[in-house]
Amino acid sequence: MSRFTRRTTPLAAIAFGALGLALGATPASARTTTLHFFQKETTDTFSGPDGKPIPPPTSTTPPAAGDRFVTTDDDYAGNHKHHAAKATATDHLVCTFTNDLGQATCDGQIAIGGSMLLAENVSVDFAKTSGVPLNGGTGVYKHAHGATTSVGIANTSNSDFTIRFTT
């Protein structure tokens, strides 16, 4: 969803990005699904602990404890070079930094066809990963677990967005 590296900050990519997590032991009936999207940013805001807008973090001005960002995107099946003409998913991510080292607590939703994949109250260390884990869902994604990967497209606020999960 929102990303520092897509903008200018080498501190971390903030997005539903790859954690490289092991999905853990899954029952034999569990199914792994991978979805690929071109993610087009629709909103991106940063605010300080007082709720007032602040400029996006950079490598010289990293986020401070209490800083928050909110981002939304339209997601098109495919990737930035070849994708559907119409968005088939949307996403939303809200993170509050817990320190000035890039650690945050996040909540996010990815809406696809009347169901959602969820990242609820997850801890993310953006200094070490560009990822946000998925820990639930609604509808056909009920009980989903996994992660997403977001790779920024140079000189834009958009990315190629991959979602991998088991149900």
N, C-alpha and C. Protein backbone atom coordinates (compact mmCIF):
# COMPACT_ATOMS: atom_id res chain seq x y z
N MET A 1 0.79 -1.10 0.00
CA MET A 1 0.00 0.00 0.00
C MET A 1 0.87 1.21 0.00
N SER A 2 1.17 1.98 0.94
CA SER A 2 2.08 3.11 0.77
C SER A 2 3.52 2.64 0.90
N ARG A 3 4.42 3.28 0.24
CA ARG A 3 5.80 2.81 0.22
C ARG A 3 6.78 3.97 0.32
N PHE A 4 7.77 3.84 1.23
CA PHE A 4 8.82 4.86 1.32
C PHE A 4 9.73 4.74 0.12
N THR A 5 10.19 3.54 -0.21
CA THR A 5 11.16 3.39 -1.29
C THR A 5 10.57 3.78 -2.63
N ARG A 6 9.27 3.65 -2.80
CA ARG A 6 8.67 4.07 -4.06
C ARG A 6 8.78 5.57 -4.19
N ARG A 7 8.89 6.25 -3.11
CA ARG A 7 8.96 7.70 -3.15
C ARG A 7 10.42 8.11 -3.26
N THR A 8 11.11 8.16 -2.14
CA THR A 8 12.51 8.54 -2.16
C THR A 8 13.27 7.97 -0.98
N THR A 9 12.62 7.31 -0.08
CA THR A 9 13.25 6.91 1.16
C THR A 9 13.80 5.51 1.11
N PRO A 10 15.10 5.34 1.26
CA PRO A 10 15.65 4.00 1.31
C PRO A 10 15.43 3.33 2.66
N LEU A 11 14.83 4.03 3.62
CA LEU A 11 14.57 3.44 4.94
C LEU A 11 13.81 2.15 4.81
N ALA A 12 12.72 2.16 4.10
CA ALA A 12 11.91 0.94 3.98
C ALA A 12 10.81 1.15 2.98
N ALA A 13 10.32 0.08 2.42
CA ALA A 13 9.14 0.16 1.58
C ALA A 13 7.96 -0.09 2.48
N ILE A 14 7.01 0.84 2.46
CA ILE A 14 5.81 0.62 3.26
C ILE A 14 4.73 0.23 2.28
N ALA A 15 4.32 -0.91 2.42
CA ALA A 15 3.29 -1.46 1.57
C ALA A 15 2.98 -2.82 2.08
N PHE A 16 1.94 -3.41 1.50
CA PHE A 16 1.75 -4.81 1.79
C PHE A 16 2.85 -5.48 0.99
N GLY A 17 4.01 -5.70 1.60
CA GLY A 17 5.14 -6.22 0.86
C GLY A 17 5.61 -7.54 1.39
N ALA A 18 6.60 -8.08 0.70
CA ALA A 18 7.06 -9.43 1.03
C ALA A 18 7.74 -9.48 2.37
N LEU A 19 7.34 -10.40 3.16
CA LEU A 19 8.00 -10.65 4.44
C LEU A 19 8.95 -11.80 4.30
N GLY A 20 8.81 -12.54 3.24
CA GLY A 20 9.58 -13.74 3.12
C GLY A 20 9.23 -14.69 4.24
N LEU A 21 8.02 -14.59 4.76
CA LEU A 21 7.62 -15.43 5.88
C LEU A 21 7.38 -16.84 5.41
N ALA A 22 7.70 -17.74 6.24
CA ALA A 22 7.24 -19.09 6.02
C ALA A 22 5.77 -19.08 6.39
N LEU A 23 4.98 -19.71 5.60
CA LEU A 23 3.56 -19.71 5.88
C LEU A 23 3.23 -20.68 6.99
N GLY A 24 4.21 -21.41 7.46
CA GLY A 24 4.00 -22.32 8.58
C GLY A 24 3.37 -23.61 8.12
N ALA A 25 3.18 -24.51 9.06
CA ALA A 25 2.55 -25.79 8.75
C ALA A 25 1.10 -25.55 8.39
N THR A 26 0.68 -26.13 7.28
CA THR A 26 -0.69 -25.97 6.86
C THR A 26 -1.33 -27.34 6.71
N PRO A 27 -2.60 -27.43 7.00
CA PRO A 27 -3.28 -28.71 6.84
C PRO A 27 -3.23 -29.18 5.40
N ALA A 28 -3.37 -30.49 5.19
CA ALA A 28 -3.32 -31.05 3.85
C ALA A 28 -4.37 -30.43 2.95
N SER A 29 -5.49 -29.99 3.52
CA SER A 29 -6.56 -29.41 2.71
C SER A 29 -6.33 -27.93 2.40
N ALA A 30 -5.31 -27.33 3.02
CA ALA A 30 -5.04 -25.91 2.78
C ALA A 30 -4.61 -25.70 1.34
N ARG A 31 -5.00 -24.55 0.80
CA ARG A 31 -4.68 -24.23 -0.58
C ARG A 31 -3.92 -22.92 -0.61
N THR A 32 -2.81 -22.86 -1.33
CA THR A 32 -2.06 -21.63 -1.47
C THR A 32 -2.49 -20.94 -2.76
N THR A 33 -2.75 -19.65 -2.65
CA THR A 33 -3.17 -18.84 -3.79
C THR A 33 -2.20 -17.68 -3.95
N THR A 34 -1.84 -17.38 -5.19
CA THR A 34 -1.00 -16.22 -5.49
C THR A 34 -1.74 -15.34 -6.50
N LEU A 35 -1.87 -14.06 -6.16
CA LEU A 35 -2.54 -13.09 -7.02
C LEU A 35 -1.55 -11.99 -7.39
N HIS A 36 -1.59 -11.52 -8.64
CA HIS A 36 -0.68 -10.47 -9.12
C HIS A 36 -1.49 -9.27 -9.58
N PHE A 37 -1.07 -8.08 -9.13
CA PHE A 37 -1.75 -6.84 -9.48
C PHE A 37 -0.75 -5.74 -9.80
N PHE A 38 -1.19 -4.79 -10.63
CA PHE A 38 -0.54 -3.49 -10.77
C PHE A 38 -1.29 -2.60 -9.81
N GLN A 39 -0.59 -2.04 -8.84
CA GLN A 39 -1.18 -1.26 -7.76
C GLN A 39 -1.00 0.22 -8.06
N LYS A 40 -2.12 0.93 -8.23
CA LYS A 40 -2.09 2.35 -8.56
C LYS A 40 -2.57 3.15 -7.35
N GLU A 41 -1.68 3.93 -6.77
CA GLU A 41 -2.01 4.69 -5.57
C GLU A 41 -3.11 5.71 -5.82
N THR A 42 -4.08 5.76 -4.89
CA THR A 42 -5.14 6.76 -4.99
C THR A 42 -5.03 7.82 -3.90
N THR A 43 -4.56 7.45 -2.71
CA THR A 43 -4.29 8.44 -1.65
C THR A 43 -3.09 7.99 -0.84
N ASP A 44 -2.44 8.96 -0.24
CA ASP A 44 -1.27 8.68 0.60
C ASP A 44 -1.08 9.89 1.51
N THR A 45 -1.25 9.71 2.81
CA THR A 45 -1.08 10.81 3.74
C THR A 45 -0.22 10.39 4.92
N PHE A 46 0.57 11.32 5.38
CA PHE A 46 1.40 11.14 6.58
C PHE A 46 0.97 12.19 7.59
N SER A 47 0.94 11.80 8.86
CA SER A 47 0.62 12.77 9.91
C SER A 47 1.47 12.48 11.13
N GLY A 48 1.67 13.52 11.93
CA GLY A 48 2.41 13.38 13.17
C GLY A 48 1.49 12.87 14.27
N PRO A 49 2.04 12.68 15.46
CA PRO A 49 1.23 12.19 16.59
C PRO A 49 0.04 13.10 16.91
N ASP A 50 0.14 14.37 16.54
CA ASP A 50 -0.95 15.31 16.79
C ASP A 50 -2.02 15.27 15.70
N GLY A 51 -1.82 14.44 14.67
CA GLY A 51 -2.78 14.32 13.58
C GLY A 51 -2.59 15.32 12.47
N LYS A 52 -1.64 16.25 12.62
CA LYS A 52 -1.40 17.25 11.58
C LYS A 52 -0.54 16.65 10.47
N PRO A 53 -0.82 17.02 9.21
CA PRO A 53 -0.05 16.49 8.09
C PRO A 53 1.44 16.81 8.21
N ILE A 54 2.26 15.85 7.80
CA ILE A 54 3.72 16.03 7.75
C ILE A 54 4.22 15.52 6.39
N PRO A 55 5.41 15.95 5.98
CA PRO A 55 5.96 15.43 4.72
C PRO A 55 6.30 13.94 4.87
N PRO A 56 6.29 13.20 3.76
CA PRO A 56 6.69 11.79 3.83
C PRO A 56 8.11 11.66 4.39
N PRO A 57 8.38 10.59 5.13
CA PRO A 57 9.73 10.37 5.65
C PRO A 57 10.74 10.22 4.52
N THR A 58 11.98 10.51 4.84
CA THR A 58 13.09 10.31 3.91
C THR A 58 14.21 9.59 4.66
N SER A 59 15.31 9.33 3.98
CA SER A 59 16.43 8.67 4.65
C SER A 59 17.04 9.57 5.72
N THR A 60 16.90 10.88 5.57
CA THR A 60 17.45 11.79 6.58
C THR A 60 16.42 12.21 7.62
N THR A 61 15.14 12.00 7.34
CA THR A 61 14.09 12.30 8.32
C THR A 61 13.16 11.09 8.42
N PRO A 62 13.60 10.03 9.11
CA PRO A 62 12.77 8.83 9.24
C PRO A 62 11.52 9.12 10.08
N PRO A 63 10.54 8.24 10.01
CA PRO A 63 9.34 8.44 10.82
C PRO A 63 9.68 8.37 12.31
N ALA A 64 8.96 9.14 13.11
CA ALA A 64 9.14 9.14 14.56
C ALA A 64 8.01 8.36 15.21
N ALA A 65 8.22 7.97 16.45
CA ALA A 65 7.17 7.28 17.20
C ALA A 65 5.91 8.14 17.20
N GLY A 66 4.79 7.52 16.87
CA GLY A 66 3.52 8.23 16.81
C GLY A 66 3.15 8.73 15.43
N ASP A 67 4.13 8.83 14.51
CA ASP A 67 3.81 9.21 13.13
C ASP A 67 2.93 8.13 12.52
N ARG A 68 2.08 8.56 11.60
CA ARG A 68 1.10 7.64 11.03
C ARG A 68 0.99 7.88 9.53
N PHE A 69 0.74 6.81 8.79
CA PHE A 69 0.42 7.00 7.38
C PHE A 69 -0.80 6.17 7.01
N VAL A 70 -1.51 6.68 6.02
CA VAL A 70 -2.71 6.02 5.49
C VAL A 70 -2.58 6.04 3.98
N THR A 71 -2.85 4.91 3.36
CA THR A 71 -2.77 4.85 1.91
C THR A 71 -3.87 3.97 1.35
N THR A 72 -4.32 4.29 0.14
CA THR A 72 -5.28 3.47 -0.59
C THR A 72 -4.80 3.30 -2.02
N ASP A 73 -5.21 2.20 -2.63
CA ASP A 73 -4.80 1.90 -4.00
C ASP A 73 -5.92 1.21 -4.76
N ASP A 74 -5.92 1.37 -6.07
CA ASP A 74 -6.72 0.57 -6.98
C ASP A 74 -5.79 -0.49 -7.55
N ASP A 75 -6.27 -1.72 -7.63
CA ASP A 75 -5.42 -2.84 -8.04
C ASP A 75 -5.97 -3.48 -9.32
N TYR A 76 -5.09 -3.56 -10.33
CA TYR A 76 -5.45 -4.07 -11.65
C TYR A 76 -4.75 -5.41 -11.86
N ALA A 77 -5.48 -6.46 -12.24
CA ALA A 77 -4.89 -7.77 -12.48
C ALA A 77 -3.75 -7.64 -13.48
N GLY A 78 -2.60 -8.22 -13.15
CA GLY A 78 -1.43 -8.18 -14.01
C GLY A 78 -0.27 -7.49 -13.33
N ASN A 79 0.55 -6.78 -14.12
CA ASN A 79 1.68 -6.01 -13.58
C ASN A 79 1.75 -4.67 -14.32
N HIS A 80 2.75 -3.86 -13.97
CA HIS A 80 2.80 -2.51 -14.56
C HIS A 80 3.00 -2.52 -16.07
N LYS A 81 3.56 -3.57 -16.63
CA LYS A 81 3.77 -3.64 -18.07
C LYS A 81 2.56 -4.19 -18.83
N HIS A 82 1.80 -5.04 -18.16
CA HIS A 82 0.64 -5.66 -18.81
C HIS A 82 -0.42 -5.93 -17.75
N HIS A 83 -1.49 -5.15 -17.77
CA HIS A 83 -2.52 -5.29 -16.75
C HIS A 83 -3.90 -5.00 -17.32
N ALA A 84 -4.92 -5.41 -16.57
CA ALA A 84 -6.30 -5.19 -16.97
C ALA A 84 -6.59 -3.69 -17.06
N ALA A 85 -7.57 -3.35 -17.87
CA ALA A 85 -7.96 -1.95 -18.04
C ALA A 85 -8.77 -1.43 -16.86
N LYS A 86 -9.39 -2.34 -16.11
CA LYS A 86 -10.25 -1.95 -15.00
C LYS A 86 -9.76 -2.59 -13.70
N ALA A 87 -9.76 -1.83 -12.63
CA ALA A 87 -9.36 -2.36 -11.32
C ALA A 87 -10.35 -3.43 -10.87
N THR A 88 -9.82 -4.50 -10.29
CA THR A 88 -10.68 -5.57 -9.77
C THR A 88 -10.51 -5.73 -8.26
N ALA A 89 -9.68 -4.90 -7.66
CA ALA A 89 -9.48 -4.94 -6.20
C ALA A 89 -9.08 -3.55 -5.74
N THR A 90 -9.22 -3.31 -4.45
CA THR A 90 -8.74 -2.08 -3.83
C THR A 90 -8.09 -2.45 -2.51
N ASP A 91 -7.22 -1.58 -2.02
CA ASP A 91 -6.59 -1.85 -0.73
C ASP A 91 -6.45 -0.59 0.09
N HIS A 92 -6.27 -0.79 1.38
CA HIS A 92 -6.18 0.30 2.36
C HIS A 92 -5.22 -0.15 3.44
N LEU A 93 -4.31 0.71 3.85
CA LEU A 93 -3.35 0.39 4.90
C LEU A 93 -3.17 1.60 5.80
N VAL A 94 -3.19 1.36 7.11
CA VAL A 94 -2.96 2.39 8.12
C VAL A 94 -1.87 1.86 9.06
N CYS A 95 -0.79 2.61 9.24
CA CYS A 95 0.29 2.19 10.14
C CYS A 95 0.65 3.35 11.07
N THR A 96 0.92 3.01 12.32
CA THR A 96 1.41 3.97 13.31
C THR A 96 2.77 3.48 13.77
N PHE A 97 3.77 4.34 13.64
CA PHE A 97 5.12 3.96 14.04
C PHE A 97 5.24 3.93 15.56
N THR A 98 5.88 2.88 16.06
CA THR A 98 6.04 2.71 17.51
C THR A 98 7.39 3.20 18.00
N ASN A 99 8.30 3.48 17.07
CA ASN A 99 9.60 4.04 17.41
C ASN A 99 10.19 4.71 16.17
N ASP A 100 11.41 5.22 16.28
CA ASP A 100 12.03 5.87 15.12
C ASP A 100 12.94 4.92 14.34
N LEU A 101 12.77 3.62 14.56
CA LEU A 101 13.58 2.61 13.87
C LEU A 101 12.81 1.91 12.74
N GLY A 102 11.63 2.40 12.43
CA GLY A 102 10.85 1.83 11.34
C GLY A 102 9.86 0.76 11.77
N GLN A 103 9.67 0.57 13.06
CA GLN A 103 8.71 -0.42 13.53
C GLN A 103 7.34 0.23 13.68
N ALA A 104 6.31 -0.51 13.27
CA ALA A 104 4.96 0.04 13.26
C ALA A 104 3.93 -1.03 13.56
N THR A 105 2.77 -0.58 13.95
CA THR A 105 1.60 -1.44 14.08
C THR A 105 0.64 -1.03 12.97
N CYS A 106 0.15 -2.03 12.22
CA CYS A 106 -0.64 -1.73 11.02
C CYS A 106 -1.95 -2.50 10.98
N ASP A 107 -2.90 -1.91 10.28
CA ASP A 107 -4.17 -2.55 9.93
C ASP A 107 -4.38 -2.31 8.44
N GLY A 108 -4.80 -3.36 7.74
CA GLY A 108 -5.02 -3.21 6.32
C GLY A 108 -6.10 -4.14 5.80
N GLN A 109 -6.65 -3.77 4.67
CA GLN A 109 -7.67 -4.56 4.01
C GLN A 109 -7.42 -4.56 2.51
N ILE A 110 -7.66 -5.71 1.89
CA ILE A 110 -7.62 -5.83 0.44
C ILE A 110 -8.98 -6.37 0.05
N ALA A 111 -9.77 -5.58 -0.65
CA ALA A 111 -11.12 -5.98 -1.06
C ALA A 111 -11.09 -6.52 -2.48
N ILE A 112 -11.56 -7.77 -2.62
CA ILE A 112 -11.59 -8.43 -3.92
C ILE A 112 -12.94 -9.13 -4.05
N GLY A 113 -13.75 -8.68 -4.97
CA GLY A 113 -14.99 -9.36 -5.28
C GLY A 113 -15.92 -9.63 -4.12
N GLY A 114 -16.12 -8.70 -3.24
CA GLY A 114 -17.06 -8.87 -2.14
C GLY A 114 -16.49 -9.57 -0.91
N SER A 115 -15.20 -9.93 -0.94
CA SER A 115 -14.52 -10.52 0.21
C SER A 115 -13.29 -9.67 0.50
N MET A 116 -12.68 -9.88 1.67
CA MET A 116 -11.48 -9.11 2.02
C MET A 116 -10.39 -10.01 2.61
N LEU A 117 -9.14 -9.66 2.31
CA LEU A 117 -7.98 -10.19 3.01
C LEU A 117 -7.60 -9.14 4.04
N LEU A 118 -7.21 -9.57 5.25
CA LEU A 118 -6.98 -8.64 6.35
C LEU A 118 -5.59 -8.75 6.94
N ALA A 119 -5.08 -7.61 7.37
CA ALA A 119 -3.88 -7.50 8.20
C ALA A 119 -4.34 -6.70 9.42
N GLU A 120 -4.66 -7.40 10.49
CA GLU A 120 -5.26 -6.74 11.65
C GLU A 120 -4.27 -6.66 12.81
N ASN A 121 -3.93 -5.43 13.20
CA ASN A 121 -3.06 -5.19 14.35
C ASN A 121 -1.75 -5.98 14.25
N VAL A 122 -1.11 -5.89 13.08
CA VAL A 122 0.13 -6.62 12.85
C VAL A 122 1.34 -5.73 13.12
N SER A 123 2.39 -6.33 13.65
CA SER A 123 3.65 -5.61 13.87
C SER A 123 4.52 -5.78 12.64
N VAL A 124 5.08 -4.66 12.18
CA VAL A 124 5.91 -4.67 10.99
C VAL A 124 7.18 -3.88 11.28
N ASP A 125 8.31 -4.43 10.90
CA ASP A 125 9.59 -3.74 11.02
C ASP A 125 10.02 -3.32 9.62
N PHE A 126 9.63 -2.12 9.21
CA PHE A 126 9.90 -1.64 7.86
C PHE A 126 11.38 -1.41 7.60
N ALA A 127 12.20 -1.35 8.64
CA ALA A 127 13.64 -1.21 8.44
C ALA A 127 14.25 -2.52 7.94
N LYS A 128 13.56 -3.64 8.18
CA LYS A 128 14.07 -4.95 7.79
C LYS A 128 13.30 -5.60 6.66
N THR A 129 12.09 -5.17 6.41
CA THR A 129 11.26 -5.82 5.41
C THR A 129 10.34 -4.80 4.75
N SER A 130 9.87 -5.15 3.60
CA SER A 130 8.86 -4.31 2.95
C SER A 130 7.50 -4.98 3.06
N GLY A 131 7.36 -5.79 4.10
CA GLY A 131 6.17 -6.62 4.16
C GLY A 131 5.21 -6.37 5.29
N VAL A 132 3.99 -6.76 5.02
CA VAL A 132 2.93 -6.73 6.01
C VAL A 132 2.25 -8.10 5.93
N PRO A 133 2.18 -8.81 7.04
CA PRO A 133 1.53 -10.13 7.00
C PRO A 133 0.02 -10.03 6.91
N LEU A 134 -0.57 -11.06 6.36
CA LEU A 134 -2.03 -11.18 6.32
C LEU A 134 -2.42 -12.18 7.40
N ASN A 135 -3.44 -11.85 8.19
CA ASN A 135 -3.80 -12.75 9.28
C ASN A 135 -5.30 -13.02 9.38
N GLY A 136 -6.01 -12.88 8.30
CA GLY A 136 -7.44 -13.19 8.31
C GLY A 136 -8.12 -12.72 7.06
N GLY A 137 -9.42 -12.91 7.04
CA GLY A 137 -10.19 -12.48 5.89
C GLY A 137 -11.67 -12.65 6.13
N THR A 138 -12.44 -12.24 5.12
CA THR A 138 -13.89 -12.39 5.15
C THR A 138 -14.32 -13.12 3.89
N GLY A 139 -15.54 -13.66 3.89
CA GLY A 139 -16.07 -14.34 2.71
C GLY A 139 -15.19 -15.49 2.30
N VAL A 140 -14.83 -15.55 1.02
CA VAL A 140 -14.02 -16.67 0.53
C VAL A 140 -12.61 -16.67 1.10
N TYR A 141 -12.20 -15.57 1.75
CA TYR A 141 -10.86 -15.48 2.34
C TYR A 141 -10.86 -15.69 3.85
N LYS A 142 -11.97 -16.15 4.40
CA LYS A 142 -12.05 -16.40 5.84
C LYS A 142 -10.91 -17.33 6.25
N HIS A 143 -10.22 -16.98 7.32
CA HIS A 143 -9.09 -17.74 7.89
C HIS A 143 -7.83 -17.68 7.03
N ALA A 144 -7.73 -16.75 6.09
CA ALA A 144 -6.53 -16.64 5.24
C ALA A 144 -5.33 -16.17 6.06
N HIS A 145 -4.16 -16.67 5.71
CA HIS A 145 -2.89 -16.24 6.30
C HIS A 145 -1.85 -16.21 5.20
N GLY A 146 -0.95 -15.25 5.26
CA GLY A 146 0.10 -15.15 4.25
C GLY A 146 0.79 -13.81 4.31
N ALA A 147 1.15 -13.31 3.15
CA ALA A 147 1.87 -12.03 3.05
C ALA A 147 1.70 -11.49 1.64
N THR A 148 2.10 -10.26 1.46
CA THR A 148 2.07 -9.64 0.15
C THR A 148 3.44 -9.09 -0.19
N THR A 149 3.67 -8.83 -1.43
CA THR A 149 4.92 -8.25 -1.91
C THR A 149 4.59 -7.03 -2.75
N SER A 150 5.29 -5.95 -2.52
CA SER A 150 5.09 -4.75 -3.31
C SER A 150 6.44 -4.28 -3.82
N VAL A 151 6.57 -4.19 -5.13
CA VAL A 151 7.81 -3.73 -5.76
C VAL A 151 7.50 -2.42 -6.46
N GLY A 152 8.10 -1.34 -5.98
CA GLY A 152 7.83 -0.02 -6.52
C GLY A 152 8.26 0.14 -7.96
N ILE A 153 7.48 0.91 -8.71
CA ILE A 153 7.78 1.26 -10.10
C ILE A 153 8.53 2.59 -10.06
N ALA A 154 9.72 2.62 -10.63
CA ALA A 154 10.58 3.80 -10.59
C ALA A 154 9.85 5.07 -11.00
N ASN A 155 10.12 6.14 -10.26
CA ASN A 155 9.60 7.48 -10.53
C ASN A 155 8.08 7.58 -10.50
N THR A 156 7.42 6.67 -9.77
CA THR A 156 5.97 6.73 -9.60
C THR A 156 5.65 6.38 -8.16
N SER A 157 4.40 6.48 -7.80
CA SER A 157 3.94 6.03 -6.49
C SER A 157 3.17 4.72 -6.63
N ASN A 158 3.38 4.03 -7.75
CA ASN A 158 2.69 2.77 -8.04
C ASN A 158 3.63 1.59 -7.85
N SER A 159 3.07 0.37 -7.88
CA SER A 159 3.92 -0.81 -7.69
C SER A 159 3.29 -2.04 -8.31
N ASP A 160 4.11 -3.07 -8.45
CA ASP A 160 3.62 -4.40 -8.76
C ASP A 160 3.38 -5.07 -7.41
N PHE A 161 2.22 -5.66 -7.23
CA PHE A 161 1.70 -6.10 -5.95
C PHE A 161 1.32 -7.57 -6.04
N THR A 162 1.97 -8.41 -5.25
CA THR A 162 1.68 -9.84 -5.25
C THR A 162 1.15 -10.23 -3.89
N ILE A 163 0.10 -11.02 -3.88
CA ILE A 163 -0.52 -11.49 -2.65
C ILE A 163 -0.40 -13.00 -2.65
N ARG A 164 0.14 -13.56 -1.57
CA ARG A 164 0.26 -15.02 -1.44
C ARG A 164 -0.34 -15.40 -0.09
N PHE A 165 -1.28 -16.33 -0.11
CA PHE A 165 -1.96 -16.72 1.12
C PHE A 165 -2.47 -18.14 1.04
N THR A 166 -2.76 -18.70 2.20
CA THR A 166 -3.41 -20.00 2.28
C THR A 166 -4.76 -19.82 2.97
N THR A 167 -5.71 -20.67 2.63
CA THR A 167 -7.02 -20.66 3.26
C THR A 167 -7.34 -22.04 3.77
